[in-house]
Amino acid sequence: MYGLIGKMRASRGQRDAVMDVLRTSTGALPGCLSYIIATDPVDADAIWVTEVWMDQASHKASLQLPEVQAAIAKARPFIAGFEFQVETHPVGGFGLVDGKTG
């Protein structure tokens, strides 16, 4: 499995607009096992995204999907920047399908 944990910053007052785009564009991504969008309790402009994919290739392929490209274009004006992104290798846990058994 392949995971990403990232923190992005919305332009001031635009966090909900960015999260709306993320929520409406992540419904059916081939190979995506989990896509969690979260607010930061102490930073009104921060958005945390935690993703789990079957593999890195699935994630990379998703970035080329027309609906994902459209979502990126729609959200871009409301995003101030990306603070960091960390790659992980999820091994399982509550709510996550075991990558070995599918």
PDB file of N, CA and C in Angstrom:
ATOM      1  N   MET A   1       0.831  -1.176   0.000  1.00  0.00           N
ATOM      2  CA  MET A   1       0.000   0.000   0.000  1.00  0.00           C
ATOM      3  C   MET A   1       0.879   1.244   0.000  1.00  0.00           C
ATOM      4  N   TYR A   2       0.287   2.342  -0.420  1.00  0.00           N
ATOM      5  CA  TYR A   2       0.975   3.625  -0.524  1.00  0.00           C
ATOM      6  C   TYR A   2       0.125   4.680   0.164  1.00  0.00           C
ATOM      7  N   GLY A   3       0.741   5.483   1.009  1.00  0.00           N
ATOM      8  CA  GLY A   3       0.006   6.511   1.724  1.00  0.00           C
ATOM      9  C   GLY A   3       0.639   7.879   1.599  1.00  0.00           C
ATOM     10  N   LEU A   4      -0.207   8.881   1.736  1.00  0.00           N
ATOM     11  CA  LEU A   4       0.240  10.269   1.751  1.00  0.00           C
ATOM     12  C   LEU A   4      -0.494  10.994   2.869  1.00  0.00           C
ATOM     13  N   ILE A   5       0.229  11.820   3.590  1.00  0.00           N
ATOM     14  CA  ILE A   5      -0.369  12.702   4.576  1.00  0.00           C
ATOM     15  C   ILE A   5       0.145  14.093   4.243  1.00  0.00           C
ATOM     16  N   GLY A   6      -0.784  15.012   3.996  1.00  0.00           N
ATOM     17  CA  GLY A   6      -0.364  16.347   3.604  1.00  0.00           C
ATOM     18  C   GLY A   6      -1.159  17.434   4.289  1.00  0.00           C
ATOM     19  N   LYS A   7      -0.534  18.583   4.371  1.00  0.00           N
ATOM     20  CA  LYS A   7      -1.184  19.761   4.937  1.00  0.00           C
ATOM     21  C   LYS A   7      -1.132  20.861   3.889  1.00  0.00           C
ATOM     22  N   MET A   8      -2.323  21.365   3.548  1.00  0.00           N
ATOM     23  CA  MET A   8      -2.388  22.483   2.614  1.00  0.00           C
ATOM     24  C   MET A   8      -2.996  23.685   3.311  1.00  0.00           C
ATOM     25  N   ARG A   9      -2.736  24.823   2.766  1.00  0.00           N
ATOM     26  CA  ARG A   9      -3.248  26.066   3.324  1.00  0.00           C
ATOM     27  C   ARG A   9      -4.167  26.716   2.297  1.00  0.00           C
ATOM     28  N   ALA A  10      -5.407  26.956   2.723  1.00  0.00           N
ATOM     29  CA  ALA A  10      -6.359  27.677   1.889  1.00  0.00           C
ATOM     30  C   ALA A  10      -6.100  29.173   2.032  1.00  0.00           C
ATOM     31  N   SER A  11      -6.454  29.922   1.018  1.00  0.00           N
ATOM     32  CA  SER A  11      -6.420  31.373   1.157  1.00  0.00           C
ATOM     33  C   SER A  11      -7.361  31.745   2.295  1.00  0.00           C
ATOM     34  N   ARG A  12      -7.061  32.837   2.976  1.00  0.00           N
ATOM     35  CA  ARG A  12      -7.843  33.229   4.150  1.00  0.00           C
ATOM     36  C   ARG A  12      -9.345  33.215   3.847  1.00  0.00           C
ATOM     37  N   GLY A  13     -10.064  32.466   4.673  1.00  0.00           N
ATOM     38  CA  GLY A  13     -11.507  32.384   4.552  1.00  0.00           C
ATOM     39  C   GLY A  13     -12.023  31.452   3.471  1.00  0.00           C
ATOM     40  N   GLN A  14     -11.149  30.731   2.797  1.00  0.00           N
ATOM     41  CA  GLN A  14     -11.557  29.870   1.679  1.00  0.00           C
ATOM     42  C   GLN A  14     -11.443  28.376   1.974  1.00  0.00           C
ATOM     43  N   ARG A  15     -11.209  28.019   3.234  1.00  0.00           N
ATOM     44  CA  ARG A  15     -11.032  26.605   3.581  1.00  0.00           C
ATOM     45  C   ARG A  15     -12.241  25.769   3.175  1.00  0.00           C
ATOM     46  N   ASP A  16     -13.443  26.243   3.452  1.00  0.00           N
ATOM     47  CA  ASP A  16     -14.633  25.467   3.116  1.00  0.00           C
ATOM     48  C   ASP A  16     -14.776  25.273   1.607  1.00  0.00           C
ATOM     49  N   ALA A  17     -14.413  26.293   0.831  1.00  0.00           N
ATOM     50  CA  ALA A  17     -14.485  26.170  -0.635  1.00  0.00           C
ATOM     51  C   ALA A  17     -13.545  25.087  -1.135  1.00  0.00           C
ATOM     52  N   VAL A  18     -12.326  25.049  -0.593  1.00  0.00           N
ATOM     53  CA  VAL A  18     -11.366  24.018  -0.999  1.00  0.00           C
ATOM     54  C   VAL A  18     -11.864  22.640  -0.578  1.00  0.00           C
ATOM     55  N   MET A  19     -12.353  22.527   0.652  1.00  0.00           N
ATOM     56  CA  MET A  19     -12.831  21.225   1.128  1.00  0.00           C
ATOM     57  C   MET A  19     -14.035  20.752   0.321  1.00  0.00           C
ATOM     58  N   ASP A  20     -14.900  21.662  -0.107  1.00  0.00           N
ATOM     59  CA  ASP A  20     -16.036  21.274  -0.946  1.00  0.00           C
ATOM     60  C   ASP A  20     -15.564  20.667  -2.263  1.00  0.00           C
ATOM     61  N   VAL A  21     -14.549  21.268  -2.869  1.00  0.00           N
ATOM     62  CA  VAL A  21     -14.003  20.723  -4.116  1.00  0.00           C
ATOM     63  C   VAL A  21     -13.397  19.346  -3.860  1.00  0.00           C
ATOM     64  N   LEU A  22     -12.634  19.211  -2.786  1.00  0.00           N
ATOM     65  CA  LEU A  22     -12.022  17.919  -2.469  1.00  0.00           C
ATOM     66  C   LEU A  22     -13.084  16.850  -2.230  1.00  0.00           C
ATOM     67  N   ARG A  23     -14.125  17.194  -1.485  1.00  0.00           N
ATOM     68  CA  ARG A  23     -15.176  16.205  -1.189  1.00  0.00           C
ATOM     69  C   ARG A  23     -15.934  15.772  -2.436  1.00  0.00           C
ATOM     70  N   THR A  24     -16.199  16.684  -3.341  1.00  0.00           N
ATOM     71  CA  THR A  24     -16.992  16.324  -4.517  1.00  0.00           C
ATOM     72  C   THR A  24     -16.170  15.665  -5.615  1.00  0.00           C
ATOM     73  N   SER A  25     -14.853  15.705  -5.504  1.00  0.00           N
ATOM     74  CA  SER A  25     -14.022  15.152  -6.585  1.00  0.00           C
ATOM     75  C   SER A  25     -13.315  13.864  -6.202  1.00  0.00           C
ATOM     76  N   THR A  26     -13.588  13.318  -5.023  1.00  0.00           N
ATOM     77  CA  THR A  26     -12.838  12.144  -4.572  1.00  0.00           C
ATOM     78  C   THR A  26     -13.740  10.948  -4.309  1.00  0.00           C
ATOM     79  N   GLY A  27     -14.874  10.890  -4.977  1.00  0.00           N
ATOM     80  CA  GLY A  27     -15.815   9.807  -4.719  1.00  0.00           C
ATOM     81  C   GLY A  27     -15.399   8.452  -5.259  1.00  0.00           C
ATOM     82  N   ALA A  28     -14.881   8.395  -6.447  1.00  0.00           N
ATOM     83  CA  ALA A  28     -14.557   7.106  -7.066  1.00  0.00           C
ATOM     84  C   ALA A  28     -13.200   7.198  -7.755  1.00  0.00           C
ATOM     85  N   LEU A  29     -12.164   7.035  -6.990  1.00  0.00           N
ATOM     86  CA  LEU A  29     -10.824   7.069  -7.543  1.00  0.00           C
ATOM     87  C   LEU A  29     -10.282   5.646  -7.581  1.00  0.00           C
ATOM     88  N   PRO A  30     -10.043   5.097  -8.771  1.00  0.00           N
ATOM     89  CA  PRO A  30      -9.537   3.728  -8.867  1.00  0.00           C
ATOM     90  C   PRO A  30      -8.258   3.526  -8.062  1.00  0.00           C
ATOM     91  N   GLY A  31      -8.261   2.518  -7.204  1.00  0.00           N
ATOM     92  CA  GLY A  31      -7.088   2.206  -6.402  1.00  0.00           C
ATOM     93  C   GLY A  31      -7.014   2.947  -5.085  1.00  0.00           C
ATOM     94  N   CYS A  32      -7.954   3.876  -4.832  1.00  0.00           N
ATOM     95  CA  CYS A  32      -7.933   4.635  -3.583  1.00  0.00           C
ATOM     96  C   CYS A  32      -8.734   3.882  -2.528  1.00  0.00           C
ATOM     97  N   LEU A  33      -8.086   3.562  -1.417  1.00  0.00           N
ATOM     98  CA  LEU A  33      -8.729   2.834  -0.331  1.00  0.00           C
ATOM     99  C   LEU A  33      -9.292   3.768   0.723  1.00  0.00           C
ATOM    100  N   SER A  34      -8.696   4.950   0.838  1.00  0.00           N
ATOM    101  CA  SER A  34      -9.136   5.899   1.853  1.00  0.00           C
ATOM    102  C   SER A  34      -8.671   7.293   1.465  1.00  0.00           C
ATOM    103  N   TYR A  35      -9.561   8.275   1.610  1.00  0.00           N
ATOM    104  CA  TYR A  35      -9.227   9.668   1.328  1.00  0.00           C
ATOM    105  C   TYR A  35      -9.943  10.498   2.375  1.00  0.00           C
ATOM    106  N   ILE A  36      -9.213  10.960   3.370  1.00  0.00           N
ATOM    107  CA  ILE A  36      -9.791  11.656   4.508  1.00  0.00           C
ATOM    108  C   ILE A  36      -9.363  13.121   4.471  1.00  0.00           C
ATOM    109  N   ILE A  37     -10.349  14.009   4.546  1.00  0.00           N
ATOM    110  CA  ILE A  37     -10.115  15.445   4.572  1.00  0.00           C
ATOM    111  C   ILE A  37     -10.460  15.917   5.981  1.00  0.00           C
ATOM    112  N   ALA A  38      -9.570  16.681   6.599  1.00  0.00           N
ATOM    113  CA  ALA A  38      -9.800  17.117   7.970  1.00  0.00           C
ATOM    114  C   ALA A  38      -9.416  18.581   8.157  1.00  0.00           C
ATOM    115  N   THR A  39     -10.120  19.231   9.073  1.00  0.00           N
ATOM    116  CA  THR A  39      -9.756  20.585   9.458  1.00  0.00           C
ATOM    117  C   THR A  39      -8.742  20.526  10.587  1.00  0.00           C
ATOM    118  N   ASP A  40      -8.059  21.621  10.782  1.00  0.00           N
ATOM    119  CA  ASP A  40      -7.098  21.753  11.869  1.00  0.00           C
ATOM    120  C   ASP A  40      -7.781  22.532  12.988  1.00  0.00           C
ATOM    121  N   PRO A  41      -7.796  22.004  14.213  1.00  0.00           N
ATOM    122  CA  PRO A  41      -8.529  22.676  15.281  1.00  0.00           C
ATOM    123  C   PRO A  41      -7.946  24.020  15.722  1.00  0.00           C
ATOM    124  N   VAL A  42      -6.705  24.310  15.357  1.00  0.00           N
ATOM    125  CA  VAL A  42      -6.105  25.576  15.789  1.00  0.00           C
ATOM    126  C   VAL A  42      -5.726  26.498  14.628  1.00  0.00           C
ATOM    127  N   ASP A  43      -5.936  26.053  13.403  1.00  0.00           N
ATOM    128  CA  ASP A  43      -5.568  26.856  12.233  1.00  0.00           C
ATOM    129  C   ASP A  43      -6.744  26.878  11.264  1.00  0.00           C
ATOM    130  N   ALA A  44      -7.432  28.002  11.188  1.00  0.00           N
ATOM    131  CA  ALA A  44      -8.666  28.114  10.399  1.00  0.00           C
ATOM    132  C   ALA A  44      -8.448  27.993   8.890  1.00  0.00           C
ATOM    133  N   ASP A  45      -7.226  28.062   8.420  1.00  0.00           N
ATOM    134  CA  ASP A  45      -6.968  27.976   6.980  1.00  0.00           C
ATOM    135  C   ASP A  45      -6.291  26.674   6.561  1.00  0.00           C
ATOM    136  N   ALA A  46      -5.989  25.799   7.525  1.00  0.00           N
ATOM    137  CA  ALA A  46      -5.275  24.554   7.217  1.00  0.00           C
ATOM    138  C   ALA A  46      -6.240  23.417   6.918  1.00  0.00           C
ATOM    139  N   ILE A  47      -5.828  22.574   5.985  1.00  0.00           N
ATOM    140  CA  ILE A  47      -6.570  21.365   5.614  1.00  0.00           C
ATOM    141  C   ILE A  47      -5.572  20.210   5.611  1.00  0.00           C
ATOM    142  N   TRP A  48      -5.920  19.135   6.302  1.00  0.00           N
ATOM    143  CA  TRP A  48      -5.107  17.914   6.318  1.00  0.00           C
ATOM    144  C   TRP A  48      -5.767  16.884   5.419  1.00  0.00           C
ATOM    145  N   VAL A  49      -4.985  16.224   4.598  1.00  0.00           N
ATOM    146  CA  VAL A  49      -5.494  15.160   3.734  1.00  0.00           C
ATOM    147  C   VAL A  49      -4.653  13.910   3.986  1.00  0.00           C
ATOM    148  N   THR A  50      -5.353  12.821   4.307  1.00  0.00           N
ATOM    149  CA  THR A  50      -4.700  11.531   4.535  1.00  0.00           C
ATOM    150  C   THR A  50      -5.234  10.556   3.498  1.00  0.00           C
ATOM    151  N   GLU A  51      -4.349  10.002   2.685  1.00  0.00           N
ATOM    152  CA  GLU A  51      -4.743   9.119   1.589  1.00  0.00           C
ATOM    153  C   GLU A  51      -4.084   7.757   1.741  1.00  0.00           C
ATOM    154  N   VAL A  52      -4.820   6.712   1.353  1.00  0.00           N
ATOM    155  CA  VAL A  52      -4.250   5.373   1.255  1.00  0.00           C
ATOM    156  C   VAL A  52      -4.636   4.815  -0.107  1.00  0.00           C
ATOM    157  N   TRP A  53      -3.650   4.345  -0.832  1.00  0.00           N
ATOM    158  CA  TRP A  53      -3.818   3.816  -2.181  1.00  0.00           C
ATOM    159  C   TRP A  53      -3.310   2.377  -2.218  1.00  0.00           C
ATOM    160  N   MET A  54      -3.806   1.615  -3.177  1.00  0.00           N
ATOM    161  CA  MET A  54      -3.302   0.252  -3.360  1.00  0.00           C
ATOM    162  C   MET A  54      -1.798   0.275  -3.634  1.00  0.00           C
ATOM    163  N   ASP A  55      -1.372   1.271  -4.426  1.00  0.00           N
ATOM    164  CA  ASP A  55       0.046   1.415  -4.744  1.00  0.00           C
ATOM    165  C   ASP A  55       0.303   2.822  -5.264  1.00  0.00           C
ATOM    166  N   GLN A  56       1.548   3.173  -5.394  1.00  0.00           N
ATOM    167  CA  GLN A  56       1.928   4.505  -5.857  1.00  0.00           C
ATOM    168  C   GLN A  56       1.452   4.764  -7.282  1.00  0.00           C
ATOM    169  N   ALA A  57       1.446   3.731  -8.110  1.00  0.00           N
ATOM    170  CA  ALA A  57       0.997   3.885  -9.493  1.00  0.00           C
ATOM    171  C   ALA A  57      -0.471   4.305  -9.561  1.00  0.00           C
ATOM    172  N   SER A  58      -1.306   3.775  -8.665  1.00  0.00           N
ATOM    173  CA  SER A  58      -2.723   4.167  -8.632  1.00  0.00           C
ATOM    174  C   SER A  58      -2.862   5.648  -8.320  1.00  0.00           C
ATOM    175  N   HIS A  59      -2.085   6.121  -7.359  1.00  0.00           N
ATOM    176  CA  HIS A  59      -2.127   7.542  -7.021  1.00  0.00           C
ATOM    177  C   HIS A  59      -1.693   8.389  -8.208  1.00  0.00           C
ATOM    178  N   LYS A  60      -0.578   8.017  -8.803  1.00  0.00           N
ATOM    179  CA  LYS A  60      -0.054   8.775  -9.940  1.00  0.00           C
ATOM    180  C   LYS A  60      -1.063   8.808 -11.092  1.00  0.00           C
ATOM    181  N   ALA A  61      -1.694   7.682 -11.366  1.00  0.00           N
ATOM    182  CA  ALA A  61      -2.681   7.615 -12.449  1.00  0.00           C
ATOM    183  C   ALA A  61      -3.894   8.497 -12.152  1.00  0.00           C
ATOM    184  N   SER A  62      -4.267   8.595 -10.877  1.00  0.00           N
ATOM    185  CA  SER A  62      -5.444   9.394 -10.523  1.00  0.00           C
ATOM    186  C   SER A  62      -5.255  10.863 -10.873  1.00  0.00           C
ATOM    187  N   LEU A  63      -4.029  11.334 -10.826  1.00  0.00           N
ATOM    188  CA  LEU A  63      -3.756  12.740 -11.111  1.00  0.00           C
ATOM    189  C   LEU A  63      -3.996  13.095 -12.574  1.00  0.00           C
ATOM    190  N   GLN A  64      -4.102  12.081 -13.432  1.00  0.00           N
ATOM    191  CA  GLN A  64      -4.352  12.314 -14.854  1.00  0.00           C
ATOM    192  C   GLN A  64      -5.830  12.225 -15.230  1.00  0.00           C
ATOM    193  N   LEU A  65      -6.674  11.800 -14.301  1.00  0.00           N
ATOM    194  CA  LEU A  65      -8.099  11.673 -14.589  1.00  0.00           C
ATOM    195  C   LEU A  65      -8.704  13.051 -14.868  1.00  0.00           C
ATOM    196  N   PRO A  66      -9.567  13.151 -15.891  1.00  0.00           N
ATOM    197  CA  PRO A  66     -10.168  14.450 -16.222  1.00  0.00           C
ATOM    198  C   PRO A  66     -10.889  15.099 -15.046  1.00  0.00           C
ATOM    199  N   GLU A  67     -11.604  14.308 -14.242  1.00  0.00           N
ATOM    200  CA  GLU A  67     -12.321  14.897 -13.110  1.00  0.00           C
ATOM    201  C   GLU A  67     -11.368  15.416 -12.034  1.00  0.00           C
ATOM    202  N   VAL A  68     -10.223  14.773 -11.876  1.00  0.00           N
ATOM    203  CA  VAL A  68      -9.232  15.248 -10.907  1.00  0.00           C
ATOM    204  C   VAL A  68      -8.561  16.515 -11.441  1.00  0.00           C
ATOM    205  N   GLN A  69      -8.236  16.533 -12.713  1.00  0.00           N
ATOM    206  CA  GLN A  69      -7.657  17.731 -13.324  1.00  0.00           C
ATOM    207  C   GLN A  69      -8.619  18.918 -13.205  1.00  0.00           C
ATOM    208  N   ALA A  70      -9.913  18.675 -13.418  1.00  0.00           N
ATOM    209  CA  ALA A  70     -10.917  19.742 -13.294  1.00  0.00           C
ATOM    210  C   ALA A  70     -11.012  20.231 -11.853  1.00  0.00           C
ATOM    211  N   ALA A  71     -10.939  19.315 -10.894  1.00  0.00           N
ATOM    212  CA  ALA A  71     -11.003  19.697  -9.477  1.00  0.00           C
ATOM    213  C   ALA A  71      -9.785  20.536  -9.087  1.00  0.00           C
ATOM    214  N   ILE A  72      -8.617  20.153  -9.575  1.00  0.00           N
ATOM    215  CA  ILE A  72      -7.404  20.918  -9.286  1.00  0.00           C
ATOM    216  C   ILE A  72      -7.546  22.340  -9.825  1.00  0.00           C
ATOM    217  N   ALA A  73      -8.037  22.454 -11.055  1.00  0.00           N
ATOM    218  CA  ALA A  73      -8.216  23.777 -11.655  1.00  0.00           C
ATOM    219  C   ALA A  73      -9.236  24.604 -10.879  1.00  0.00           C
ATOM    220  N   LYS A  74     -10.291  23.959 -10.408  1.00  0.00           N
ATOM    221  CA  LYS A  74     -11.343  24.669  -9.664  1.00  0.00           C
ATOM    222  C   LYS A  74     -10.849  25.135  -8.294  1.00  0.00           C
ATOM    223  N   ALA A  75     -10.045  24.322  -7.618  1.00  0.00           N
ATOM    224  CA  ALA A  75      -9.576  24.653  -6.269  1.00  0.00           C
ATOM    225  C   ALA A  75      -8.368  25.582  -6.263  1.00  0.00           C
ATOM    226  N   ARG A  76      -7.570  25.557  -7.318  1.00  0.00           N
ATOM    227  CA  ARG A  76      -6.302  26.298  -7.357  1.00  0.00           C
ATOM    228  C   ARG A  76      -6.431  27.762  -6.907  1.00  0.00           C
ATOM    229  N   PRO A  77      -7.456  28.518  -7.341  1.00  0.00           N
ATOM    230  CA  PRO A  77      -7.538  29.926  -6.917  1.00  0.00           C
ATOM    231  C   PRO A  77      -7.729  30.112  -5.411  1.00  0.00           C
ATOM    232  N   PHE A  78      -8.190  29.077  -4.718  1.00  0.00           N
ATOM    233  CA  PHE A  78      -8.473  29.167  -3.288  1.00  0.00           C
ATOM    234  C   PHE A  78      -7.368  28.576  -2.414  1.00  0.00           C
ATOM    235  N   ILE A  79      -6.313  28.059  -3.024  1.00  0.00           N
ATOM    236  CA  ILE A  79      -5.235  27.416  -2.276  1.00  0.00           C
ATOM    237  C   ILE A  79      -4.049  28.365  -2.183  1.00  0.00           C
ATOM    238  N   ALA A  80      -3.632  28.630  -0.947  1.00  0.00           N
ATOM    239  CA  ALA A  80      -2.490  29.519  -0.715  1.00  0.00           C
ATOM    240  C   ALA A  80      -1.165  28.774  -0.837  1.00  0.00           C
ATOM    241  N   GLY A  81      -1.175  27.453  -0.562  1.00  0.00           N
ATOM    242  CA  GLY A  81       0.056  26.690  -0.680  1.00  0.00           C
ATOM    243  C   GLY A  81      -0.034  25.353   0.012  1.00  0.00           C
ATOM    244  N   PHE A  82       1.043  24.604  -0.114  1.00  0.00           N
ATOM    245  CA  PHE A  82       1.145  23.282   0.490  1.00  0.00           C
ATOM    246  C   PHE A  82       2.310  23.320   1.464  1.00  0.00           C
ATOM    247  N   GLU A  83       2.031  22.989   2.728  1.00  0.00           N
ATOM    248  CA  GLU A  83       3.077  23.087   3.739  1.00  0.00           C
ATOM    249  C   GLU A  83       4.004  21.879   3.717  1.00  0.00           C
ATOM    250  N   PHE A  84       3.448  20.697   3.566  1.00  0.00           N
ATOM    251  CA  PHE A  84       4.288  19.516   3.440  1.00  0.00           C
ATOM    252  C   PHE A  84       3.448  18.313   3.024  1.00  0.00           C
ATOM    253  N   GLN A  85       4.152  17.290   2.571  1.00  0.00           N
ATOM    254  CA  GLN A  85       3.520  16.021   2.226  1.00  0.00           C
ATOM    255  C   GLN A  85       4.503  14.909   2.593  1.00  0.00           C
ATOM    256  N   VAL A  86       3.990  13.905   3.277  1.00  0.00           N
ATOM    257  CA  VAL A  86       4.814  12.791   3.729  1.00  0.00           C
ATOM    258  C   VAL A  86       4.282  11.504   3.107  1.00  0.00           C
ATOM    259  N   GLU A  87       5.160  10.715   2.540  1.00  0.00           N
ATOM    260  CA  GLU A  87       4.784   9.399   2.028  1.00  0.00           C
ATOM    261  C   GLU A  87       4.857   8.384   3.161  1.00  0.00           C
ATOM    262  N   THR A  88       3.899   7.455   3.165  1.00  0.00           N
ATOM    263  CA  THR A  88       3.908   6.382   4.150  1.00  0.00           C
ATOM    264  C   THR A  88       3.648   5.059   3.446  1.00  0.00           C
ATOM    265  N   HIS A  89       3.834   3.969   4.177  1.00  0.00           N
ATOM    266  CA  HIS A  89       3.503   2.635   3.689  1.00  0.00           C
ATOM    267  C   HIS A  89       2.539   2.000   4.687  1.00  0.00           C
ATOM    268  N   PRO A  90       1.230   2.270   4.537  1.00  0.00           N
ATOM    269  CA  PRO A  90       0.249   1.708   5.469  1.00  0.00           C
ATOM    270  C   PRO A  90       0.307   0.180   5.469  1.00  0.00           C
ATOM    271  N   VAL A  91       0.107  -0.393   6.642  1.00  0.00           N
ATOM    272  CA  VAL A  91       0.125  -1.852   6.776  1.00  0.00           C
ATOM    273  C   VAL A  91      -1.218  -2.406   7.229  1.00  0.00           C
ATOM    274  N   GLY A  92      -2.166  -1.544   7.532  1.00  0.00           N
ATOM    275  CA  GLY A  92      -3.494  -1.974   7.944  1.00  0.00           C
ATOM    276  C   GLY A  92      -3.992  -1.135   9.095  1.00  0.00           C
ATOM    277  N   GLY A  93      -5.125  -1.517   9.611  1.00  0.00           N
ATOM    278  CA  GLY A  93      -5.733  -0.801  10.720  1.00  0.00           C
ATOM    279  C   GLY A  93      -7.239  -0.814  10.584  1.00  0.00           C
ATOM    280  N   PHE A  94      -7.924  -0.322  11.576  1.00  0.00           N
ATOM    281  CA  PHE A  94      -9.364  -0.305  11.579  1.00  0.00           C
ATOM    282  C   PHE A  94      -9.901   0.461  10.377  1.00  0.00           C
ATOM    283  N   GLY A  95     -10.785  -0.141   9.622  1.00  0.00           N
ATOM    284  CA  GLY A  95     -11.381   0.509   8.472  1.00  0.00           C
ATOM    285  C   GLY A  95     -10.577   0.407   7.187  1.00  0.00           C
ATOM    286  N   LEU A  96      -9.416  -0.188   7.237  1.00  0.00           N
ATOM    287  CA  LEU A  96      -8.575  -0.293   6.058  1.00  0.00           C
ATOM    288  C   LEU A  96      -8.433  -1.742   5.654  1.00  0.00           C
ATOM    289  N   VAL A  97      -8.760  -2.024   4.407  1.00  0.00           N
ATOM    290  CA  VAL A  97      -8.654  -3.382   3.896  1.00  0.00           C
ATOM    291  C   VAL A  97      -7.197  -3.811   3.897  1.00  0.00           C
ATOM    292  N   ASP A  98      -6.921  -5.023   4.274  1.00  0.00           N
ATOM    293  CA  ASP A  98      -5.571  -5.566   4.261  1.00  0.00           C
ATOM    294  C   ASP A  98      -5.080  -5.610   2.820  1.00  0.00           C
ATOM    295  N   GLY A  99      -4.001  -4.903   2.532  1.00  0.00           N
ATOM    296  CA  GLY A  99      -3.460  -4.828   1.176  1.00  0.00           C
ATOM    297  C   GLY A  99      -3.035  -6.167   0.614  1.00  0.00           C
ATOM    298  N   LYS A 100      -2.782  -7.146   1.475  1.00  0.00           N
ATOM    299  CA  LYS A 100      -2.350  -8.459   1.002  1.00  0.00           C
ATOM    300  C   LYS A 100      -3.534  -9.288   0.514  1.00  0.00           C
ATOM    301  N   THR A 101      -4.710  -9.043   1.089  1.00  0.00           N
ATOM    302  CA  THR A 101      -5.864  -9.849   0.693  1.00  0.00           C
ATOM    303  C   THR A 101      -6.833  -9.080  -0.175  1.00  0.00           C
ATOM    304  N   GLY A 102      -6.610  -7.752  -0.333  1.00  0.00           N
ATOM    305  CA  GLY A 102      -7.470  -6.934  -1.165  1.00  0.00           C
ATOM    306  C   GLY A 102      -8.695  -6.537  -0.446  1.00  0.00           C
TER     307      GLY A 102
END
